[in-house]
Amino acid sequence: MDSTLLRIGIGIAGVLLIAAIYFFGRPRKPGQGRRVAGGTDHGRPEGERIEPTLGAQLESELAGEATEQSELDLGARNELNDVGRRGDASFEKIVTLYVAARSGEKLLGPDIVVAAEKAGLAYGHMQIFHRLVEGHPERGPVFSVANIMKPGSFDMATIQELETPAIAFFLTLPAPMTALEAWEKMLPTAQRMAELLDGMVLDESRNALGRQRIAHIRDELRAYDRQHEAPPLTKPARW
């Protein structure tokens, strides 16, 4: 039963991740009022739709704060909300890994936060964790880590009560570095967090990540990098 629930939960995460990437970094539309809990920090067209509500708390707080709040506090909140924001919402490929709890167990919110800090991740945009380019955070995330349970975020106001069967690591391409370099940062981070959380690293098909699959992913990303290399400059013809 636990195994079935885990697979269902992780399956749902795939949909959430694609939606999260699509809305990553989209600017807010002007004229929006305060949202109820569970909304995103992006514009919502009329009608219902299923999408991750990452960063909802920050937006709700910013929209409803009293006018006497200091500019310093507002600036700090805005800065946090921009950490890990993608400058361009478009993407060509997503590479996903999962760190899942062992059968009959759950990953606990406080443990996830500690493990993320030890693994060098930054908490920020959409209330999830990001690996940033060292010395150049403005380039956006190398990869990000979300909760597979809806809405996908890690709300620090309720982090003590958070329990989840797994967390998802997702790398969107193009990234602020080559695809292979980004993978070589995401893989050991996932392995490190699995060690700290006593969990298991799974591939995108929810199978244990083995050496053969790792080698195959590396080959795929090498091919991606070759396809996206800048063409060589044409040498001037000799007369």
C-alpha atoms as a PDB file:
ATOM      1  CA  MET A   1       0.000   0.000   0.000  1.00  0.00           C
ATOM      2  CA  ASP A   2       2.788   2.417   0.937  1.00  0.00           C
ATOM      3  CA  SER A   3       4.581   1.618  -2.308  1.00  0.00           C
ATOM      4  CA  THR A   4       1.416   2.282  -4.327  1.00  0.00           C
ATOM      5  CA  LEU A   5       0.776   5.615  -2.589  1.00  0.00           C
ATOM      6  CA  LEU A   6       4.381   6.640  -3.158  1.00  0.00           C
ATOM      7  CA  ARG A   7       4.157   5.897  -6.891  1.00  0.00           C
ATOM      8  CA  ILE A   8       0.856   7.779  -7.198  1.00  0.00           C
ATOM      9  CA  GLY A   9       2.300  10.764  -5.333  1.00  0.00           C
ATOM     10  CA  ILE A  10       5.431  10.858  -7.441  1.00  0.00           C
ATOM     11  CA  GLY A  11       3.389  10.505 -10.613  1.00  0.00           C
ATOM     12  CA  ILE A  12       1.340  13.557  -9.679  1.00  0.00           C
ATOM     13  CA  ALA A  13       4.600  15.423  -9.095  1.00  0.00           C
ATOM     14  CA  GLY A  14       5.479  15.162 -12.757  1.00  0.00           C
ATOM     15  CA  VAL A  15       2.444  17.233 -13.672  1.00  0.00           C
ATOM     16  CA  LEU A  16       3.220  19.750 -10.942  1.00  0.00           C
ATOM     17  CA  LEU A  17       6.826  20.119 -12.049  1.00  0.00           C
ATOM     18  CA  ILE A  18       5.940  20.829 -15.667  1.00  0.00           C
ATOM     19  CA  ALA A  19       3.413  23.425 -14.546  1.00  0.00           C
ATOM     20  CA  ALA A  20       5.974  24.914 -12.147  1.00  0.00           C
ATOM     21  CA  ILE A  21       8.564  25.283 -14.870  1.00  0.00           C
ATOM     22  CA  TYR A  22       6.039  26.895 -17.224  1.00  0.00           C
ATOM     23  CA  PHE A  23       5.182  29.561 -14.688  1.00  0.00           C
ATOM     24  CA  PHE A  24       8.758  29.998 -13.428  1.00  0.00           C
ATOM     25  CA  GLY A  25       9.767  33.617 -13.548  1.00  0.00           C
ATOM     26  CA  ARG A  26       6.580  34.931 -15.198  1.00  0.00           C
ATOM     27  CA  PRO A  27       5.942  38.537 -14.101  1.00  0.00           C
ATOM     28  CA  ARG A  28       2.862  39.315 -12.054  1.00  0.00           C
ATOM     29  CA  LYS A  29       0.034  41.085 -13.830  1.00  0.00           C
ATOM     30  CA  PRO A  30      -0.857  44.544 -12.501  1.00  0.00           C
ATOM     31  CA  GLY A  31      -4.068  45.138 -10.617  1.00  0.00           C
ATOM     32  CA  GLN A  32      -4.224  41.835  -8.767  1.00  0.00           C
ATOM     33  CA  GLY A  33      -5.605  41.887  -5.249  1.00  0.00           C
ATOM     34  CA  ARG A  34      -4.871  39.683  -2.312  1.00  0.00           C
ATOM     35  CA  ARG A  35      -5.144  35.971  -3.006  1.00  0.00           C
ATOM     36  CA  VAL A  36      -6.474  33.210  -0.826  1.00  0.00           C
ATOM     37  CA  ALA A  37      -4.041  30.633   0.507  1.00  0.00           C
ATOM     38  CA  GLY A  38      -3.054  28.243  -2.234  1.00  0.00           C
ATOM     39  CA  GLY A  39      -2.668  30.849  -5.025  1.00  0.00           C
ATOM     40  CA  THR A  40       0.508  31.328  -6.986  1.00  0.00           C
ATOM     41  CA  ASP A  41       2.670  34.417  -7.250  1.00  0.00           C
ATOM     42  CA  HIS A  42       1.745  34.630 -10.914  1.00  0.00           C
ATOM     43  CA  GLY A  43      -1.354  35.768 -12.822  1.00  0.00           C
ATOM     44  CA  ARG A  44      -4.281  33.355 -12.846  1.00  0.00           C
ATOM     45  CA  PRO A  45      -6.748  33.452 -15.762  1.00  0.00           C
ATOM     46  CA  GLU A  46     -10.437  32.865 -15.145  1.00  0.00           C
ATOM     47  CA  GLY A  47     -11.485  29.284 -14.529  1.00  0.00           C
ATOM     48  CA  GLU A  48      -9.981  26.536 -12.457  1.00  0.00           C
ATOM     49  CA  ARG A  49      -6.776  24.759 -13.333  1.00  0.00           C
ATOM     50  CA  ILE A  50      -4.354  22.529 -11.487  1.00  0.00           C
ATOM     51  CA  GLU A  51      -0.979  24.147 -10.939  1.00  0.00           C
ATOM     52  CA  PRO A  52       1.578  24.422  -8.169  1.00  0.00           C
ATOM     53  CA  THR A  53       0.997  27.283  -5.760  1.00  0.00           C
ATOM     54  CA  LEU A  54       4.612  27.957  -4.984  1.00  0.00           C
ATOM     55  CA  GLY A  55       5.358  31.253  -3.287  1.00  0.00           C
ATOM     56  CA  ALA A  56       1.709  31.864  -2.360  1.00  0.00           C
ATOM     57  CA  GLN A  57       2.389  32.847   1.224  1.00  0.00           C
ATOM     58  CA  LEU A  58       4.941  35.481   0.298  1.00  0.00           C
ATOM     59  CA  GLU A  59       2.611  37.070  -2.229  1.00  0.00           C
ATOM     60  CA  SER A  60      -0.349  37.037   0.167  1.00  0.00           C
ATOM     61  CA  GLU A  61       1.714  38.647   2.883  1.00  0.00           C
ATOM     62  CA  LEU A  62       3.093  41.295   0.546  1.00  0.00           C
ATOM     63  CA  ALA A  63      -0.346  42.092  -0.879  1.00  0.00           C
ATOM     64  CA  GLY A  64      -2.009  42.396   2.527  1.00  0.00           C
ATOM     65  CA  GLU A  65       0.661  44.105   4.602  1.00  0.00           C
ATOM     66  CA  ALA A  66      -0.185  47.382   6.295  1.00  0.00           C
ATOM     67  CA  THR A  67       1.103  50.545   4.650  1.00  0.00           C
ATOM     68  CA  GLU A  68       3.237  51.397   7.645  1.00  0.00           C
ATOM     69  CA  GLN A  69       5.548  48.398   7.040  1.00  0.00           C
ATOM     70  CA  SER A  70       9.073  49.611   6.461  1.00  0.00           C
ATOM     71  CA  GLU A  71      10.619  49.622   2.995  1.00  0.00           C
ATOM     72  CA  LEU A  72      13.462  47.577   4.416  1.00  0.00           C
ATOM     73  CA  ASP A  73      11.142  44.701   5.315  1.00  0.00           C
ATOM     74  CA  LEU A  74       9.478  44.835   1.910  1.00  0.00           C
ATOM     75  CA  GLY A  75      12.842  44.844   0.189  1.00  0.00           C
ATOM     76  CA  ALA A  76      13.964  41.791   2.144  1.00  0.00           C
ATOM     77  CA  ARG A  77      10.815  39.891   1.180  1.00  0.00           C
ATOM     78  CA  ASN A  78      11.136  40.842  -2.480  1.00  0.00           C
ATOM     79  CA  GLU A  79      14.770  39.789  -2.476  1.00  0.00           C
ATOM     80  CA  LEU A  80      13.849  36.383  -1.050  1.00  0.00           C
ATOM     81  CA  ASN A  81      11.092  35.985  -3.631  1.00  0.00           C
ATOM     82  CA  ASP A  82      13.626  36.600  -6.425  1.00  0.00           C
ATOM     83  CA  VAL A  83      16.240  34.084  -5.237  1.00  0.00           C
ATOM     84  CA  GLY A  84      16.303  31.343  -7.860  1.00  0.00           C
ATOM     85  CA  ARG A  85      13.910  33.053 -10.279  1.00  0.00           C
ATOM     86  CA  ARG A  86      14.378  32.086 -13.914  1.00  0.00           C
ATOM     87  CA  GLY A  87      14.740  35.028 -16.249  1.00  0.00           C
ATOM     88  CA  ASP A  88      13.097  33.103 -19.083  1.00  0.00           C
ATOM     89  CA  ALA A  89      10.130  30.770 -18.538  1.00  0.00           C
ATOM     90  CA  SER A  90      10.777  28.833 -21.764  1.00  0.00           C
ATOM     91  CA  PHE A  91      12.585  25.517 -21.669  1.00  0.00           C
ATOM     92  CA  GLU A  92      13.502  22.684 -24.011  1.00  0.00           C
ATOM     93  CA  LYS A  93      14.113  19.757 -21.681  1.00  0.00           C
ATOM     94  CA  ILE A  94      13.593  18.760 -18.051  1.00  0.00           C
ATOM     95  CA  VAL A  95      15.783  16.280 -16.189  1.00  0.00           C
ATOM     96  CA  THR A  96      14.212  14.982 -12.983  1.00  0.00           C
ATOM     97  CA  LEU A  97      15.375  13.002  -9.975  1.00  0.00           C
ATOM     98  CA  TYR A  98      13.537  12.126  -6.763  1.00  0.00           C
ATOM     99  CA  VAL A  99      14.676  11.566  -3.212  1.00  0.00           C
ATOM    100  CA  ALA A 100      12.036   9.308  -1.661  1.00  0.00           C
ATOM    101  CA  ALA A 101      11.476   8.102   1.861  1.00  0.00           C
ATOM    102  CA  ARG A 102      11.840   4.415   2.538  1.00  0.00           C
ATOM    103  CA  SER A 103       8.779   2.196   2.662  1.00  0.00           C
ATOM    104  CA  GLY A 104       6.445   3.124   5.511  1.00  0.00           C
ATOM    105  CA  GLU A 105       8.304   6.350   6.286  1.00  0.00           C
ATOM    106  CA  LYS A 106       8.043  10.037   5.370  1.00  0.00           C
ATOM    107  CA  LEU A 107      10.502  12.871   4.866  1.00  0.00           C
ATOM    108  CA  LEU A 108       9.989  15.511   7.561  1.00  0.00           C
ATOM    109  CA  GLY A 109       9.991  19.251   6.873  1.00  0.00           C
ATOM    110  CA  PRO A 110      12.645  20.304   9.414  1.00  0.00           C
ATOM    111  CA  ASP A 111      14.958  17.522   8.238  1.00  0.00           C
ATOM    112  CA  ILE A 112      14.549  18.618   4.623  1.00  0.00           C
ATOM    113  CA  VAL A 113      15.472  22.206   5.497  1.00  0.00           C
ATOM    114  CA  VAL A 114      18.614  21.123   7.382  1.00  0.00           C
ATOM    115  CA  ALA A 115      19.638  18.739   4.601  1.00  0.00           C
ATOM    116  CA  ALA A 116      19.095  21.412   1.943  1.00  0.00           C
ATOM    117  CA  GLU A 117      21.295  23.872   3.827  1.00  0.00           C
ATOM    118  CA  LYS A 118      24.028  21.283   4.268  1.00  0.00           C
ATOM    119  CA  ALA A 119      23.827  20.479   0.551  1.00  0.00           C
ATOM    120  CA  GLY A 120      24.355  24.137  -0.366  1.00  0.00           C
ATOM    121  CA  LEU A 121      20.826  24.965  -1.553  1.00  0.00           C
ATOM    122  CA  ALA A 122      19.200  28.379  -1.189  1.00  0.00           C
ATOM    123  CA  TYR A 123      15.571  28.890  -0.208  1.00  0.00           C
ATOM    124  CA  GLY A 124      13.779  31.414  -2.350  1.00  0.00           C
ATOM    125  CA  HIS A 125      11.499  31.928  -5.320  1.00  0.00           C
ATOM    126  CA  MET A 126       8.279  29.884  -5.270  1.00  0.00           C
ATOM    127  CA  GLN A 127       9.138  28.796  -1.698  1.00  0.00           C
ATOM    128  CA  ILE A 128      11.373  26.004  -2.908  1.00  0.00           C
ATOM    129  CA  PHE A 129      15.127  25.362  -2.851  1.00  0.00           C
ATOM    130  CA  HIS A 130      17.596  26.243  -5.601  1.00  0.00           C
ATOM    131  CA  ARG A 131      21.227  25.627  -6.473  1.00  0.00           C
ATOM    132  CA  LEU A 132      22.630  28.902  -7.741  1.00  0.00           C
ATOM    133  CA  VAL A 133      25.703  29.665  -9.796  1.00  0.00           C
ATOM    134  CA  GLU A 134      28.421  30.528  -7.307  1.00  0.00           C
ATOM    135  CA  GLY A 135      29.111  34.241  -7.417  1.00  0.00           C
ATOM    136  CA  HIS A 136      26.380  34.833 -10.024  1.00  0.00           C
ATOM    137  CA  PRO A 137      22.946  34.237  -8.448  1.00  0.00           C
ATOM    138  CA  GLU A 138      21.401  36.571 -11.026  1.00  0.00           C
ATOM    139  CA  ARG A 139      21.859  33.885 -13.678  1.00  0.00           C
ATOM    140  CA  GLY A 140      19.028  31.867 -12.175  1.00  0.00           C
ATOM    141  CA  PRO A 141      18.928  28.344 -10.758  1.00  0.00           C
ATOM    142  CA  VAL A 142      21.138  25.510 -11.926  1.00  0.00           C
ATOM    143  CA  PHE A 143      18.383  23.218 -10.644  1.00  0.00           C
ATOM    144  CA  SER A 144      15.600  23.396  -8.086  1.00  0.00           C
ATOM    145  CA  VAL A 145      14.024  21.159  -5.446  1.00  0.00           C
ATOM    146  CA  ALA A 146      10.279  21.001  -4.785  1.00  0.00           C
ATOM    147  CA  ASN A 147       7.906  18.998  -2.622  1.00  0.00           C
ATOM    148  CA  ILE A 148       6.005  16.374  -4.657  1.00  0.00           C
ATOM    149  CA  MET A 149       2.907  16.987  -2.544  1.00  0.00           C
ATOM    150  CA  LYS A 150       0.591  19.745  -3.721  1.00  0.00           C
ATOM    151  CA  PRO A 151       1.184  22.689  -3.798  1.00  0.00           C
ATOM    152  CA  GLY A 152       4.856  21.750  -4.166  1.00  0.00           C
ATOM    153  CA  SER A 153       6.317  24.362  -1.833  1.00  0.00           C
ATOM    154  CA  PHE A 154       8.053  24.346   1.536  1.00  0.00           C
ATOM    155  CA  ASP A 155       6.052  26.830   3.607  1.00  0.00           C
ATOM    156  CA  MET A 156       8.292  27.846   6.493  1.00  0.00           C
ATOM    157  CA  ALA A 157       5.260  28.866   8.540  1.00  0.00           C
ATOM    158  CA  THR A 158       4.139  25.223   8.691  1.00  0.00           C
ATOM    159  CA  ILE A 159       7.425  23.441   8.056  1.00  0.00           C
ATOM    160  CA  GLN A 160       7.323  21.696  11.442  1.00  0.00           C
ATOM    161  CA  GLU A 161       4.197  19.801  10.388  1.00  0.00           C
ATOM    162  CA  LEU A 162       5.294  19.007   6.831  1.00  0.00           C
ATOM    163  CA  GLU A 163       5.570  15.335   5.878  1.00  0.00           C
ATOM    164  CA  THR A 164       6.070  14.098   2.327  1.00  0.00           C
ATOM    165  CA  PRO A 165       6.884  10.792   0.619  1.00  0.00           C
ATOM    166  CA  ALA A 166       9.466  12.422  -1.664  1.00  0.00           C
ATOM    167  CA  ILE A 167      11.059  15.594  -2.972  1.00  0.00           C
ATOM    168  CA  ALA A 168      11.791  16.293  -6.624  1.00  0.00           C
ATOM    169  CA  PHE A 169      14.971  17.676  -8.161  1.00  0.00           C
ATOM    170  CA  PHE A 170      14.438  19.241 -11.567  1.00  0.00           C
ATOM    171  CA  LEU A 171      16.913  20.675 -14.030  1.00  0.00           C
ATOM    172  CA  THR A 172      15.467  22.766 -16.852  1.00  0.00           C
ATOM    173  CA  LEU A 173      17.433  23.271 -20.034  1.00  0.00           C
ATOM    174  CA  PRO A 174      18.875  25.527 -21.183  1.00  0.00           C
ATOM    175  CA  ALA A 175      20.544  26.170 -17.819  1.00  0.00           C
ATOM    176  CA  PRO A 176      23.039  28.864 -16.766  1.00  0.00           C
ATOM    177  CA  MET A 177      25.823  26.391 -17.595  1.00  0.00           C
ATOM    178  CA  THR A 178      26.185  23.398 -19.875  1.00  0.00           C
ATOM    179  CA  ALA A 179      23.661  20.606 -19.386  1.00  0.00           C
ATOM    180  CA  LEU A 180      26.342  18.137 -18.333  1.00  0.00           C
ATOM    181  CA  GLU A 181      27.856  20.562 -15.814  1.00  0.00           C
ATOM    182  CA  ALA A 182      24.416  21.194 -14.327  1.00  0.00           C
ATOM    183  CA  TRP A 183      23.779  17.448 -14.044  1.00  0.00           C
ATOM    184  CA  GLU A 184      27.125  16.945 -12.332  1.00  0.00           C
ATOM    185  CA  LYS A 185      25.954  19.399  -9.676  1.00  0.00           C
ATOM    186  CA  MET A 186      22.433  18.007  -9.291  1.00  0.00           C
ATOM    187  CA  LEU A 187      23.320  14.320  -8.996  1.00  0.00           C
ATOM    188  CA  PRO A 188      25.716  14.558  -6.016  1.00  0.00           C
ATOM    189  CA  THR A 189      23.354  16.994  -4.302  1.00  0.00           C
ATOM    190  CA  ALA A 190      20.485  14.514  -4.595  1.00  0.00           C
ATOM    191  CA  GLN A 191      22.746  11.715  -3.364  1.00  0.00           C
ATOM    192  CA  ARG A 192      23.916  13.835  -0.432  1.00  0.00           C
ATOM    193  CA  MET A 193      20.375  14.751   0.584  1.00  0.00           C
ATOM    194  CA  ALA A 194      19.283  11.115   0.278  1.00  0.00           C
ATOM    195  CA  GLU A 195      22.101  10.220   2.650  1.00  0.00           C
ATOM    196  CA  LEU A 196      21.159  12.934   5.129  1.00  0.00           C
ATOM    197  CA  LEU A 197      17.448  12.030   4.984  1.00  0.00           C
ATOM    198  CA  ASP A 198      18.003   8.259   4.919  1.00  0.00           C
ATOM    199  CA  GLY A 199      16.117   8.155   1.636  1.00  0.00           C
ATOM    200  CA  MET A 200      16.564   6.699  -1.845  1.00  0.00           C
ATOM    201  CA  VAL A 201      17.460   8.405  -5.129  1.00  0.00           C
ATOM    202  CA  LEU A 202      15.020   7.520  -7.917  1.00  0.00           C
ATOM    203  CA  ASP A 203      15.121   8.339 -11.612  1.00  0.00           C
ATOM    204  CA  GLU A 204      12.340  10.013 -13.585  1.00  0.00           C
ATOM    205  CA  SER A 205      10.536   6.654 -13.887  1.00  0.00           C
ATOM    206  CA  ARG A 206      10.546   6.195 -10.104  1.00  0.00           C
ATOM    207  CA  ASN A 207      13.105   3.391 -10.273  1.00  0.00           C
ATOM    208  CA  ALA A 208      16.259   3.205  -8.181  1.00  0.00           C
ATOM    209  CA  LEU A 209      18.933   5.276  -9.889  1.00  0.00           C
ATOM    210  CA  GLY A 210      21.698   2.921 -11.006  1.00  0.00           C
ATOM    211  CA  ARG A 211      25.016   3.337 -12.787  1.00  0.00           C
ATOM    212  CA  GLN A 212      23.619   2.349 -16.173  1.00  0.00           C
ATOM    213  CA  ARG A 213      20.885   4.984 -16.000  1.00  0.00           C
ATOM    214  CA  ILE A 214      23.380   7.628 -14.816  1.00  0.00           C
ATOM    215  CA  ALA A 215      25.655   6.841 -17.775  1.00  0.00           C
ATOM    216  CA  HIS A 216      22.699   7.059 -20.154  1.00  0.00           C
ATOM    217  CA  ILE A 217      21.639  10.461 -18.795  1.00  0.00           C
ATOM    218  CA  ARG A 218      25.197  11.754 -19.148  1.00  0.00           C
ATOM    219  CA  ASP A 219      25.252  10.602 -22.781  1.00  0.00           C
ATOM    220  CA  GLU A 220      21.931  12.359 -23.438  1.00  0.00           C
ATOM    221  CA  LEU A 221      23.192  15.601 -21.927  1.00  0.00           C
ATOM    222  CA  ARG A 222      26.481  15.449 -23.842  1.00  0.00           C
ATOM    223  CA  ALA A 223      24.438  15.141 -27.023  1.00  0.00           C
ATOM    224  CA  TYR A 224      22.277  18.082 -25.935  1.00  0.00           C
ATOM    225  CA  ASP A 225      25.382  20.204 -25.320  1.00  0.00           C
ATOM    226  CA  ARG A 226      26.826  19.294 -28.722  1.00  0.00           C
ATOM    227  CA  GLN A 227      23.577  20.341 -30.420  1.00  0.00           C
ATOM    228  CA  HIS A 228      23.646  23.684 -28.633  1.00  0.00           C
ATOM    229  CA  GLU A 229      27.305  24.555 -29.151  1.00  0.00           C
ATOM    230  CA  ALA A 230      27.915  27.893 -30.778  1.00  0.00           C
ATOM    231  CA  PRO A 231      28.807  27.360 -34.454  1.00  0.00           C
ATOM    232  CA  PRO A 232      32.465  28.026 -35.271  1.00  0.00           C
ATOM    233  CA  LEU A 233      33.264  31.366 -36.811  1.00  0.00           C
ATOM    234  CA  THR A 234      33.579  31.163 -40.569  1.00  0.00           C
ATOM    235  CA  LYS A 235      37.132  31.741 -41.679  1.00  0.00           C
ATOM    236  CA  PRO A 236      37.536  34.429 -44.329  1.00  0.00           C
ATOM    237  CA  ALA A 237      38.151  33.057 -47.790  1.00  0.00           C
ATOM    238  CA  ARG A 238      41.640  33.380 -49.172  1.00  0.00           C
ATOM    239  CA  TRP A 239      41.986  35.254 -52.413  1.00  0.00           C
END
